[in-house]
Amino acid sequence: MDLKKILDFLDFYKNKPKYLKQIGFIVGTGRCGTTILSRVLNSHSKIVVSPELQFLFEVCSHDIKLLNAESISAIIEDKCPYSLDRFFDFRGYLSSINYPQKSAASLLVGIFDAICRSYSKEIFLEQTPWYGQKLALLHEMFPDMKILHIIRDPRDVALSYKRSKWWGHLTLEQALFKWRDEALTIHEYGVLHPRNFLQFRYEELVQHPEETLETILALFNQEFEASMLDHRRLVDYRSLLKIDTISFQSAEYRKWREQEDKPIFFSDNVQGWKKVNDIDFSSKVQPIRDIMHLFGYDD
């Protein structure tokens, strides 16, 4: 074995994750339930789910040899919509490692490993929905990653878009086509990588949580834990947000959140489109009917 191979081996061994055993991403179209799924999975004894990071591709766009603790911290502060330091001491970790890092992937794996260590867990999941549109690039960095694709009825997604700060400008037709294009992109990745990909519906999670969670956890070779359905154990990602989202929540949702012994899932938003009387959804969904059927939704 030549000197380069010896040095590469030593470098790999030194930087090998000590806590992290599996990496996964929770993706979807937005307004599809990624946050509540993340909260539930985060309460598992072996799984930690970070808030939406949104800086992975930003890190990759820089020359890794020029990045240091200060510049990476600046990227995280700029791109992450959450006060990440309240979830994980990323500045302390970044100050403790050597630079330059070998690659963006090794830097990110190190961050994931450190998050696992801080929570004494071994499976790291991230929940940025729009990463679903970049799965091929994520696969290049994390070839063994596992993907959870949560699908929600596009009519409910479209209504939720209309009530949100970020997507309220979309027409109903635009929201439905956005759902179609994004859901299909994720689905097509899953067709190519079925072994590490699981697709399931939001409605199944809400109406049959234990059975659905058992299926999800099987992808990571884990078992369901009853404590996952105890709402008092769930992390509140909203408390980490840099902006106040209360004004963007419906009155029904706010009332539900104020219940002391509320159920873990807000079931009133399942088939919420049926409660809307001024929209003829049968005509609105005509152009995307085939894709709806692909995901198990009837007209």
C-alpha atoms as a PDB file:
ATOM      1  CA  MET A   1       0.000   0.000   0.000  1.00  0.00           C
ATOM      2  CA  ASP A   2       1.496   3.352  -1.037  1.00  0.00           C
ATOM      3  CA  LEU A   3       1.684   6.420   1.175  1.00  0.00           C
ATOM      4  CA  LYS A   4      -1.345   8.148  -0.436  1.00  0.00           C
ATOM      5  CA  LYS A   5      -3.596   5.150   0.222  1.00  0.00           C
ATOM      6  CA  ILE A   6      -2.392   4.999   3.817  1.00  0.00           C
ATOM      7  CA  LEU A   7      -3.121   8.707   4.309  1.00  0.00           C
ATOM      8  CA  ASP A   8      -6.545   8.382   2.653  1.00  0.00           C
ATOM      9  CA  PHE A   9      -7.389   5.466   4.942  1.00  0.00           C
ATOM     10  CA  LEU A  10      -6.277   7.353   8.037  1.00  0.00           C
ATOM     11  CA  ASP A  11      -8.258  10.404   6.933  1.00  0.00           C
ATOM     12  CA  PHE A  12     -11.374   8.276   6.405  1.00  0.00           C
ATOM     13  CA  TYR A  13     -10.981   6.571   9.779  1.00  0.00           C
ATOM     14  CA  LYS A  14     -10.415   9.856  11.591  1.00  0.00           C
ATOM     15  CA  ASN A  15     -13.497  11.451  10.000  1.00  0.00           C
ATOM     16  CA  LYS A  16     -15.746   8.394  10.042  1.00  0.00           C
ATOM     17  CA  PRO A  17     -19.082   9.203  11.743  1.00  0.00           C
ATOM     18  CA  LYS A  18     -19.080   7.880  15.295  1.00  0.00           C
ATOM     19  CA  TYR A  19     -22.807   8.158  16.040  1.00  0.00           C
ATOM     20  CA  LEU A  20     -24.480   8.544  12.654  1.00  0.00           C
ATOM     21  CA  LYS A  21     -25.648   5.244  11.149  1.00  0.00           C
ATOM     22  CA  GLN A  22     -28.262   6.344   8.593  1.00  0.00           C
ATOM     23  CA  ILE A  23     -29.192   9.540   6.715  1.00  0.00           C
ATOM     24  CA  GLY A  24     -32.650  10.318   5.387  1.00  0.00           C
ATOM     25  CA  PHE A  25     -34.694  13.172   3.975  1.00  0.00           C
ATOM     26  CA  ILE A  26     -38.402  13.897   4.372  1.00  0.00           C
ATOM     27  CA  VAL A  27     -39.678  15.521   1.192  1.00  0.00           C
ATOM     28  CA  GLY A  28     -42.939  16.533  -0.415  1.00  0.00           C
ATOM     29  CA  THR A  29     -44.706  19.317  -2.243  1.00  0.00           C
ATOM     30  CA  GLY A  30     -44.975  21.690   0.688  1.00  0.00           C
ATOM     31  CA  ARG A  31     -48.131  21.939   2.828  1.00  0.00           C
ATOM     32  CA  CYS A  32     -48.192  18.145   2.771  1.00  0.00           C
ATOM     33  CA  GLY A  33     -47.411  17.226   6.388  1.00  0.00           C
ATOM     34  CA  THR A  34     -43.617  17.063   6.499  1.00  0.00           C
ATOM     35  CA  THR A  35     -43.477  19.046   9.734  1.00  0.00           C
ATOM     36  CA  ILE A  36     -45.878  16.903  11.764  1.00  0.00           C
ATOM     37  CA  LEU A  37     -44.193  13.743  10.458  1.00  0.00           C
ATOM     38  CA  SER A  38     -40.825  15.190  11.501  1.00  0.00           C
ATOM     39  CA  ARG A  39     -42.091  15.966  14.994  1.00  0.00           C
ATOM     40  CA  VAL A  40     -43.357  12.422  15.457  1.00  0.00           C
ATOM     41  CA  LEU A  41     -40.237  10.717  14.081  1.00  0.00           C
ATOM     42  CA  ASN A  42     -37.985  12.976  16.138  1.00  0.00           C
ATOM     43  CA  SER A  43     -39.551  11.524  19.291  1.00  0.00           C
ATOM     44  CA  HIS A  44     -38.244   8.053  18.392  1.00  0.00           C
ATOM     45  CA  SER A  45     -35.367   6.920  20.611  1.00  0.00           C
ATOM     46  CA  LYS A  46     -32.991   6.396  17.666  1.00  0.00           C
ATOM     47  CA  ILE A  47     -34.027   9.213  15.303  1.00  0.00           C
ATOM     48  CA  VAL A  48     -33.269  12.917  15.345  1.00  0.00           C
ATOM     49  CA  VAL A  49     -34.988  15.193  12.834  1.00  0.00           C
ATOM     50  CA  SER A  50     -33.571  18.659  12.412  1.00  0.00           C
ATOM     51  CA  PRO A  51     -35.722  21.628  11.416  1.00  0.00           C
ATOM     52  CA  GLU A  52     -35.507  22.660   7.766  1.00  0.00           C
ATOM     53  CA  LEU A  53     -31.831  23.452   7.193  1.00  0.00           C
ATOM     54  CA  GLN A  54     -32.006  24.799   3.612  1.00  0.00           C
ATOM     55  CA  PHE A  55     -28.257  25.391   3.405  1.00  0.00           C
ATOM     56  CA  LEU A  56     -26.948  22.103   1.997  1.00  0.00           C
ATOM     57  CA  PHE A  57     -26.810  23.233  -1.626  1.00  0.00           C
ATOM     58  CA  GLU A  58     -25.512  26.651  -0.618  1.00  0.00           C
ATOM     59  CA  VAL A  59     -22.522  24.955   1.018  1.00  0.00           C
ATOM     60  CA  CYS A  60     -21.981  22.920  -2.146  1.00  0.00           C
ATOM     61  CA  SER A  61     -21.934  26.047  -4.304  1.00  0.00           C
ATOM     62  CA  HIS A  62     -18.773  27.302  -2.565  1.00  0.00           C
ATOM     63  CA  ASP A  63     -15.192  26.153  -2.953  1.00  0.00           C
ATOM     64  CA  ILE A  64     -14.884  23.846   0.039  1.00  0.00           C
ATOM     65  CA  LYS A  65     -11.176  24.698   0.374  1.00  0.00           C
ATOM     66  CA  LEU A  66     -12.072  28.321   1.125  1.00  0.00           C
ATOM     67  CA  LEU A  67     -14.675  27.624   3.790  1.00  0.00           C
ATOM     68  CA  ASN A  68     -13.971  27.856   7.507  1.00  0.00           C
ATOM     69  CA  ALA A  69     -15.992  27.985  10.712  1.00  0.00           C
ATOM     70  CA  GLU A  70     -16.868  31.651  10.278  1.00  0.00           C
ATOM     71  CA  SER A  71     -17.947  31.445   6.628  1.00  0.00           C
ATOM     72  CA  ILE A  72     -19.984  28.264   7.130  1.00  0.00           C
ATOM     73  CA  SER A  73     -21.715  29.793  10.154  1.00  0.00           C
ATOM     74  CA  ALA A  74     -22.591  32.800   8.001  1.00  0.00           C
ATOM     75  CA  ILE A  75     -24.136  30.513   5.348  1.00  0.00           C
ATOM     76  CA  ILE A  76     -26.202  28.726   7.972  1.00  0.00           C
ATOM     77  CA  GLU A  77     -27.398  31.985   9.516  1.00  0.00           C
ATOM     78  CA  ASP A  78     -28.340  33.348   6.101  1.00  0.00           C
ATOM     79  CA  LYS A  79     -30.121  30.303   4.668  1.00  0.00           C
ATOM     80  CA  CYS A  80     -31.615  28.395   7.588  1.00  0.00           C
ATOM     81  CA  PRO A  81     -35.068  29.837   8.449  1.00  0.00           C
ATOM     82  CA  TYR A  82     -34.709  28.544  12.004  1.00  0.00           C
ATOM     83  CA  SER A  83     -32.501  29.626  14.886  1.00  0.00           C
ATOM     84  CA  LEU A  84     -30.499  26.440  14.503  1.00  0.00           C
ATOM     85  CA  ASP A  85     -28.260  27.212  17.454  1.00  0.00           C
ATOM     86  CA  ARG A  86     -31.277  26.563  19.714  1.00  0.00           C
ATOM     87  CA  PHE A  87     -31.485  23.051  18.310  1.00  0.00           C
ATOM     88  CA  PHE A  88     -27.780  22.294  17.916  1.00  0.00           C
ATOM     89  CA  ASP A  89     -24.577  24.167  18.821  1.00  0.00           C
ATOM     90  CA  PHE A  90     -23.358  24.369  15.243  1.00  0.00           C
ATOM     91  CA  ARG A  91     -20.874  27.152  15.969  1.00  0.00           C
ATOM     92  CA  GLY A  92     -19.193  25.093  18.667  1.00  0.00           C
ATOM     93  CA  TYR A  93     -18.951  22.114  16.347  1.00  0.00           C
ATOM     94  CA  LEU A  94     -17.635  24.115  13.385  1.00  0.00           C
ATOM     95  CA  SER A  95     -14.987  25.673  15.608  1.00  0.00           C
ATOM     96  CA  SER A  96     -13.813  22.238  16.717  1.00  0.00           C
ATOM     97  CA  ILE A  97     -12.988  20.723  13.318  1.00  0.00           C
ATOM     98  CA  ASN A  98     -10.055  21.144  10.963  1.00  0.00           C
ATOM     99  CA  TYR A  99     -10.035  23.116   7.719  1.00  0.00           C
ATOM    100  CA  PRO A 100     -10.105  22.869   4.815  1.00  0.00           C
ATOM    101  CA  GLN A 101     -12.659  20.081   4.803  1.00  0.00           C
ATOM    102  CA  LYS A 102     -12.196  17.308   2.254  1.00  0.00           C
ATOM    103  CA  SER A 103     -15.584  17.818   0.552  1.00  0.00           C
ATOM    104  CA  ALA A 104     -18.987  19.368   1.087  1.00  0.00           C
ATOM    105  CA  ALA A 105     -20.407  15.893   1.668  1.00  0.00           C
ATOM    106  CA  SER A 106     -17.887  15.075   4.404  1.00  0.00           C
ATOM    107  CA  LEU A 107     -18.527  18.445   6.067  1.00  0.00           C
ATOM    108  CA  LEU A 108     -22.286  17.863   6.059  1.00  0.00           C
ATOM    109  CA  VAL A 109     -21.969  14.279   7.276  1.00  0.00           C
ATOM    110  CA  GLY A 110     -19.843  15.618  10.126  1.00  0.00           C
ATOM    111  CA  ILE A 111     -22.595  18.085  11.037  1.00  0.00           C
ATOM    112  CA  PHE A 112     -25.218  15.330  10.905  1.00  0.00           C
ATOM    113  CA  ASP A 113     -23.028  13.112  13.077  1.00  0.00           C
ATOM    114  CA  ALA A 114     -22.559  15.892  15.624  1.00  0.00           C
ATOM    115  CA  ILE A 115     -26.330  16.465  15.780  1.00  0.00           C
ATOM    116  CA  CYS A 116     -26.832  12.747  16.425  1.00  0.00           C
ATOM    117  CA  ARG A 117     -24.198  12.870  19.159  1.00  0.00           C
ATOM    118  CA  SER A 118     -25.853  15.857  20.828  1.00  0.00           C
ATOM    119  CA  TYR A 119     -29.139  13.916  21.073  1.00  0.00           C
ATOM    120  CA  SER A 120     -27.600  10.469  21.676  1.00  0.00           C
ATOM    121  CA  LYS A 121     -29.260   9.102  18.546  1.00  0.00           C
ATOM    122  CA  GLU A 122     -28.001   7.375  15.398  1.00  0.00           C
ATOM    123  CA  ILE A 123     -30.384   8.171  12.525  1.00  0.00           C
ATOM    124  CA  PHE A 124     -30.406  11.687  11.084  1.00  0.00           C
ATOM    125  CA  LEU A 125     -33.362  12.999   9.087  1.00  0.00           C
ATOM    126  CA  GLU A 126     -33.854  16.406   7.496  1.00  0.00           C
ATOM    127  CA  GLN A 127     -37.208  17.843   6.446  1.00  0.00           C
ATOM    128  CA  THR A 128     -36.795  20.528   3.779  1.00  0.00           C
ATOM    129  CA  PRO A 129     -39.675  19.770   1.354  1.00  0.00           C
ATOM    130  CA  TRP A 130     -38.118  21.374  -1.746  1.00  0.00           C
ATOM    131  CA  TYR A 131     -35.085  19.102  -1.488  1.00  0.00           C
ATOM    132  CA  GLY A 132     -37.398  16.659  -3.230  1.00  0.00           C
ATOM    133  CA  GLN A 133     -36.706  18.557  -6.442  1.00  0.00           C
ATOM    134  CA  LYS A 134     -32.944  18.034  -6.028  1.00  0.00           C
ATOM    135  CA  LEU A 135     -32.772  14.366  -5.074  1.00  0.00           C
ATOM    136  CA  ALA A 136     -30.305  13.450  -7.822  1.00  0.00           C
ATOM    137  CA  LEU A 137     -27.832  15.989  -6.426  1.00  0.00           C
ATOM    138  CA  LEU A 138     -28.424  14.805  -2.862  1.00  0.00           C
ATOM    139  CA  HIS A 139     -27.841  11.239  -4.051  1.00  0.00           C
ATOM    140  CA  GLU A 140     -24.396  12.218  -5.333  1.00  0.00           C
ATOM    141  CA  MET A 141     -23.449  13.385  -1.837  1.00  0.00           C
ATOM    142  CA  PHE A 142     -25.279  10.723   0.152  1.00  0.00           C
ATOM    143  CA  PRO A 143     -25.647   7.606  -2.055  1.00  0.00           C
ATOM    144  CA  ASP A 144     -27.056   5.516   0.802  1.00  0.00           C
ATOM    145  CA  MET A 145     -29.638   8.105   1.859  1.00  0.00           C
ATOM    146  CA  LYS A 146     -33.248   7.099   2.413  1.00  0.00           C
ATOM    147  CA  ILE A 147     -36.173   9.163   1.204  1.00  0.00           C
ATOM    148  CA  LEU A 148     -39.604   9.558   2.763  1.00  0.00           C
ATOM    149  CA  HIS A 149     -42.050  11.058   0.264  1.00  0.00           C
ATOM    150  CA  ILE A 150     -45.283  12.197   1.859  1.00  0.00           C
ATOM    151  CA  ILE A 151     -48.140  12.819  -0.574  1.00  0.00           C
ATOM    152  CA  ARG A 152     -51.256  14.830   0.232  1.00  0.00           C
ATOM    153  CA  ASP A 153     -54.500  15.306  -1.695  1.00  0.00           C
ATOM    154  CA  PRO A 154     -53.707  18.119  -4.166  1.00  0.00           C
ATOM    155  CA  ARG A 155     -57.030  19.820  -3.487  1.00  0.00           C
ATOM    156  CA  ASP A 156     -56.124  20.204   0.182  1.00  0.00           C
ATOM    157  CA  VAL A 157     -52.591  21.247  -0.752  1.00  0.00           C
ATOM    158  CA  ALA A 158     -53.948  23.915  -3.091  1.00  0.00           C
ATOM    159  CA  LEU A 159     -56.249  25.303  -0.400  1.00  0.00           C
ATOM    160  CA  SER A 160     -53.373  25.343   2.094  1.00  0.00           C
ATOM    161  CA  TYR A 161     -51.194  27.172  -0.435  1.00  0.00           C
ATOM    162  CA  LYS A 162     -53.866  29.827  -0.797  1.00  0.00           C
ATOM    163  CA  ARG A 163     -53.856  30.399   2.980  1.00  0.00           C
ATOM    164  CA  SER A 164     -50.088  30.614   3.302  1.00  0.00           C
ATOM    165  CA  LYS A 165     -47.857  33.671   3.286  1.00  0.00           C
ATOM    166  CA  TRP A 166     -45.441  32.174   0.785  1.00  0.00           C
ATOM    167  CA  TRP A 167     -47.813  30.730  -1.826  1.00  0.00           C
ATOM    168  CA  GLY A 168     -50.963  32.799  -1.411  1.00  0.00           C
ATOM    169  CA  HIS A 169     -50.306  34.539  -4.734  1.00  0.00           C
ATOM    170  CA  LEU A 170     -50.895  31.320  -6.690  1.00  0.00           C
ATOM    171  CA  THR A 171     -54.195  30.712  -8.427  1.00  0.00           C
ATOM    172  CA  LEU A 172     -55.901  27.428  -7.627  1.00  0.00           C
ATOM    173  CA  GLU A 173     -54.877  26.063 -11.031  1.00  0.00           C
ATOM    174  CA  GLN A 174     -51.263  27.101 -10.509  1.00  0.00           C
ATOM    175  CA  ALA A 175     -51.203  25.427  -7.092  1.00  0.00           C
ATOM    176  CA  LEU A 176     -52.584  22.177  -8.527  1.00  0.00           C
ATOM    177  CA  PHE A 177     -50.004  22.117 -11.320  1.00  0.00           C
ATOM    178  CA  LYS A 178     -47.256  22.906  -8.825  1.00  0.00           C
ATOM    179  CA  TRP A 179     -48.352  19.863  -6.806  1.00  0.00           C
ATOM    180  CA  ARG A 180     -48.411  17.694  -9.922  1.00  0.00           C
ATOM    181  CA  ASP A 181     -44.952  18.685 -11.165  1.00  0.00           C
ATOM    182  CA  GLU A 182     -43.218  18.433  -7.789  1.00  0.00           C
ATOM    183  CA  ALA A 183     -44.874  15.196  -6.669  1.00  0.00           C
ATOM    184  CA  LEU A 184     -44.103  13.544  -9.999  1.00  0.00           C
ATOM    185  CA  THR A 185     -40.438  14.598  -9.861  1.00  0.00           C
ATOM    186  CA  ILE A 186     -40.029  12.937  -6.457  1.00  0.00           C
ATOM    187  CA  HIS A 187     -41.969   9.855  -7.546  1.00  0.00           C
ATOM    188  CA  GLU A 188     -39.730   9.394 -10.599  1.00  0.00           C
ATOM    189  CA  TYR A 189     -36.636   9.421  -8.391  1.00  0.00           C
ATOM    190  CA  GLY A 190     -38.252   6.720  -6.283  1.00  0.00           C
ATOM    191  CA  VAL A 191     -38.837   4.552  -9.352  1.00  0.00           C
ATOM    192  CA  LEU A 192     -35.074   4.629  -9.965  1.00  0.00           C
ATOM    193  CA  HIS A 193     -34.146   4.008  -6.317  1.00  0.00           C
ATOM    194  CA  PRO A 194     -36.918   1.832  -4.852  1.00  0.00           C
ATOM    195  CA  ARG A 195     -34.778   0.153  -2.195  1.00  0.00           C
ATOM    196  CA  ASN A 196     -34.235   3.352  -0.200  1.00  0.00           C
ATOM    197  CA  PHE A 197     -37.473   5.145  -1.059  1.00  0.00           C
ATOM    198  CA  LEU A 198     -40.888   5.100   0.614  1.00  0.00           C
ATOM    199  CA  GLN A 199     -43.948   6.918  -0.673  1.00  0.00           C
ATOM    200  CA  PHE A 200     -47.106   7.215   1.428  1.00  0.00           C
ATOM    201  CA  ARG A 201     -50.111   9.478   1.810  1.00  0.00           C
ATOM    202  CA  TYR A 202     -50.683  12.115   4.466  1.00  0.00           C
ATOM    203  CA  GLU A 203     -54.222  10.858   4.930  1.00  0.00           C
ATOM    204  CA  GLU A 204     -52.915   7.393   5.847  1.00  0.00           C
ATOM    205  CA  LEU A 205     -50.619   8.918   8.453  1.00  0.00           C
ATOM    206  CA  VAL A 206     -53.449  10.919  10.038  1.00  0.00           C
ATOM    207  CA  GLN A 207     -56.097   8.212   9.934  1.00  0.00           C
ATOM    208  CA  HIS A 208     -53.893   5.181  10.624  1.00  0.00           C
ATOM    209  CA  PRO A 209     -50.825   6.593  12.386  1.00  0.00           C
ATOM    210  CA  GLU A 210     -49.484   3.481  14.070  1.00  0.00           C
ATOM    211  CA  GLU A 211     -49.643   1.284  10.970  1.00  0.00           C
ATOM    212  CA  THR A 212     -48.163   4.007   8.754  1.00  0.00           C
ATOM    213  CA  LEU A 213     -45.353   4.739  11.197  1.00  0.00           C
ATOM    214  CA  GLU A 214     -44.533   1.038  11.395  1.00  0.00           C
ATOM    215  CA  THR A 215     -44.082   1.004   7.618  1.00  0.00           C
ATOM    216  CA  ILE A 216     -41.952   4.162   7.718  1.00  0.00           C
ATOM    217  CA  LEU A 217     -39.736   2.888  10.511  1.00  0.00           C
ATOM    218  CA  ALA A 218     -39.196  -0.432   8.729  1.00  0.00           C
ATOM    219  CA  LEU A 219     -37.251   1.479   6.068  1.00  0.00           C
ATOM    220  CA  PHE A 220     -34.728   2.299   8.806  1.00  0.00           C
ATOM    221  CA  ASN A 221     -34.919  -1.134  10.445  1.00  0.00           C
ATOM    222  CA  GLN A 222     -36.594   0.364  13.494  1.00  0.00           C
ATOM    223  CA  GLU A 223     -39.732  -0.511  15.429  1.00  0.00           C
ATOM    224  CA  PHE A 224     -42.687   1.656  16.357  1.00  0.00           C
ATOM    225  CA  GLU A 225     -42.639   3.167  19.865  1.00  0.00           C
ATOM    226  CA  ALA A 226     -45.981   4.031  21.452  1.00  0.00           C
ATOM    227  CA  SER A 227     -44.494   7.170  23.021  1.00  0.00           C
ATOM    228  CA  MET A 228     -44.193   8.651  19.524  1.00  0.00           C
ATOM    229  CA  LEU A 229     -47.918   9.402  19.636  1.00  0.00           C
ATOM    230  CA  ASP A 230     -47.710  11.374  22.890  1.00  0.00           C
ATOM    231  CA  HIS A 231     -48.053  15.022  21.825  1.00  0.00           C
ATOM    232  CA  ARG A 232     -46.297  16.180  25.006  1.00  0.00           C
ATOM    233  CA  ARG A 233     -43.040  14.608  23.779  1.00  0.00           C
ATOM    234  CA  LEU A 234     -42.964  16.377  20.439  1.00  0.00           C
ATOM    235  CA  VAL A 235     -40.425  19.076  19.614  1.00  0.00           C
ATOM    236  CA  ASP A 236     -42.012  22.388  18.630  1.00  0.00           C
ATOM    237  CA  TYR A 237     -40.115  23.525  15.544  1.00  0.00           C
ATOM    238  CA  ARG A 238     -42.262  26.668  15.386  1.00  0.00           C
ATOM    239  CA  SER A 239     -40.549  27.961  18.511  1.00  0.00           C
ATOM    240  CA  LEU A 240     -37.249  27.918  16.581  1.00  0.00           C
ATOM    241  CA  LEU A 241     -38.494  29.908  13.593  1.00  0.00           C
ATOM    242  CA  LYS A 242     -37.018  33.327  12.991  1.00  0.00           C
ATOM    243  CA  ILE A 243     -40.466  34.699  12.076  1.00  0.00           C
ATOM    244  CA  ASP A 244     -43.845  34.561  13.803  1.00  0.00           C
ATOM    245  CA  THR A 245     -46.247  32.238  11.960  1.00  0.00           C
ATOM    246  CA  ILE A 246     -49.263  32.521  14.255  1.00  0.00           C
ATOM    247  CA  SER A 247     -50.977  35.046  11.986  1.00  0.00           C
ATOM    248  CA  PHE A 248     -50.820  32.543   9.113  1.00  0.00           C
ATOM    249  CA  GLN A 249     -52.662  29.784  10.984  1.00  0.00           C
ATOM    250  CA  SER A 250     -56.379  29.181  10.565  1.00  0.00           C
ATOM    251  CA  ALA A 251     -58.724  29.804  13.482  1.00  0.00           C
ATOM    252  CA  GLU A 252     -59.553  26.080  13.559  1.00  0.00           C
ATOM    253  CA  TYR A 253     -55.891  25.121  13.773  1.00  0.00           C
ATOM    254  CA  ARG A 254     -55.173  27.636  16.553  1.00  0.00           C
ATOM    255  CA  LYS A 255     -58.161  26.319  18.515  1.00  0.00           C
ATOM    256  CA  TRP A 256     -56.886  22.757  18.093  1.00  0.00           C
ATOM    257  CA  ARG A 257     -53.388  23.667  19.274  1.00  0.00           C
ATOM    258  CA  GLU A 258     -54.767  25.211  22.451  1.00  0.00           C
ATOM    259  CA  GLN A 259     -56.368  21.931  23.532  1.00  0.00           C
ATOM    260  CA  GLU A 260     -54.502  20.475  26.498  1.00  0.00           C
ATOM    261  CA  ASP A 261     -55.181  16.855  25.532  1.00  0.00           C
ATOM    262  CA  LYS A 262     -55.447  17.306  21.782  1.00  0.00           C
ATOM    263  CA  PRO A 263     -54.918  14.381  19.414  1.00  0.00           C
ATOM    264  CA  ILE A 264     -51.500  14.342  17.828  1.00  0.00           C
ATOM    265  CA  PHE A 265     -52.812  14.960  14.308  1.00  0.00           C
ATOM    266  CA  PHE A 266     -55.033  17.782  13.112  1.00  0.00           C
ATOM    267  CA  SER A 267     -57.564  15.636  11.241  1.00  0.00           C
ATOM    268  CA  ASP A 268     -59.936  18.454  10.267  1.00  0.00           C
ATOM    269  CA  ASN A 269     -57.726  19.273   7.271  1.00  0.00           C
ATOM    270  CA  VAL A 270     -58.220  15.840   5.693  1.00  0.00           C
ATOM    271  CA  GLN A 271     -60.516  16.349   2.701  1.00  0.00           C
ATOM    272  CA  GLY A 272     -60.949  19.934   3.752  1.00  0.00           C
ATOM    273  CA  TRP A 273     -61.641  20.731   0.093  1.00  0.00           C
ATOM    274  CA  LYS A 274     -65.052  19.088   0.474  1.00  0.00           C
ATOM    275  CA  LYS A 275     -66.044  21.800   2.936  1.00  0.00           C
ATOM    276  CA  VAL A 276     -65.492  24.525   0.341  1.00  0.00           C
ATOM    277  CA  ASN A 277     -68.730  25.348  -1.429  1.00  0.00           C
ATOM    278  CA  ASP A 278     -67.636  27.951  -3.970  1.00  0.00           C
ATOM    279  CA  ILE A 279     -65.118  25.855  -5.963  1.00  0.00           C
ATOM    280  CA  ASP A 280     -65.953  23.133  -8.484  1.00  0.00           C
ATOM    281  CA  PHE A 281     -62.954  20.887  -7.900  1.00  0.00           C
ATOM    282  CA  SER A 282     -64.117  18.314 -10.446  1.00  0.00           C
ATOM    283  CA  SER A 283     -63.342  20.755 -13.254  1.00  0.00           C
ATOM    284  CA  LYS A 284     -60.230  22.176 -11.593  1.00  0.00           C
ATOM    285  CA  VAL A 285     -58.473  18.805 -11.301  1.00  0.00           C
ATOM    286  CA  GLN A 286     -59.301  17.586 -14.824  1.00  0.00           C
ATOM    287  CA  PRO A 287     -55.780  18.317 -16.227  1.00  0.00           C
ATOM    288  CA  ILE A 288     -54.043  16.446 -13.390  1.00  0.00           C
ATOM    289  CA  ARG A 289     -56.544  13.603 -12.974  1.00  0.00           C
ATOM    290  CA  ASP A 290     -54.128  10.894 -14.207  1.00  0.00           C
ATOM    291  CA  ILE A 291     -51.470  11.955 -11.703  1.00  0.00           C
ATOM    292  CA  MET A 292     -54.027  12.026  -8.893  1.00  0.00           C
ATOM    293  CA  HIS A 293     -55.008   8.458  -9.755  1.00  0.00           C
ATOM    294  CA  LEU A 294     -51.329   7.466  -9.773  1.00  0.00           C
ATOM    295  CA  PHE A 295     -51.150   8.488  -6.121  1.00  0.00           C
ATOM    296  CA  GLY A 296     -54.473   6.914  -5.179  1.00  0.00           C
ATOM    297  CA  TYR A 297     -56.766   9.948  -5.207  1.00  0.00           C
ATOM    298  CA  ASP A 298     -60.204   9.739  -6.812  1.00  0.00           C
ATOM    299  CA  ASP A 299     -62.041  12.652  -8.338  1.00  0.00           C
END
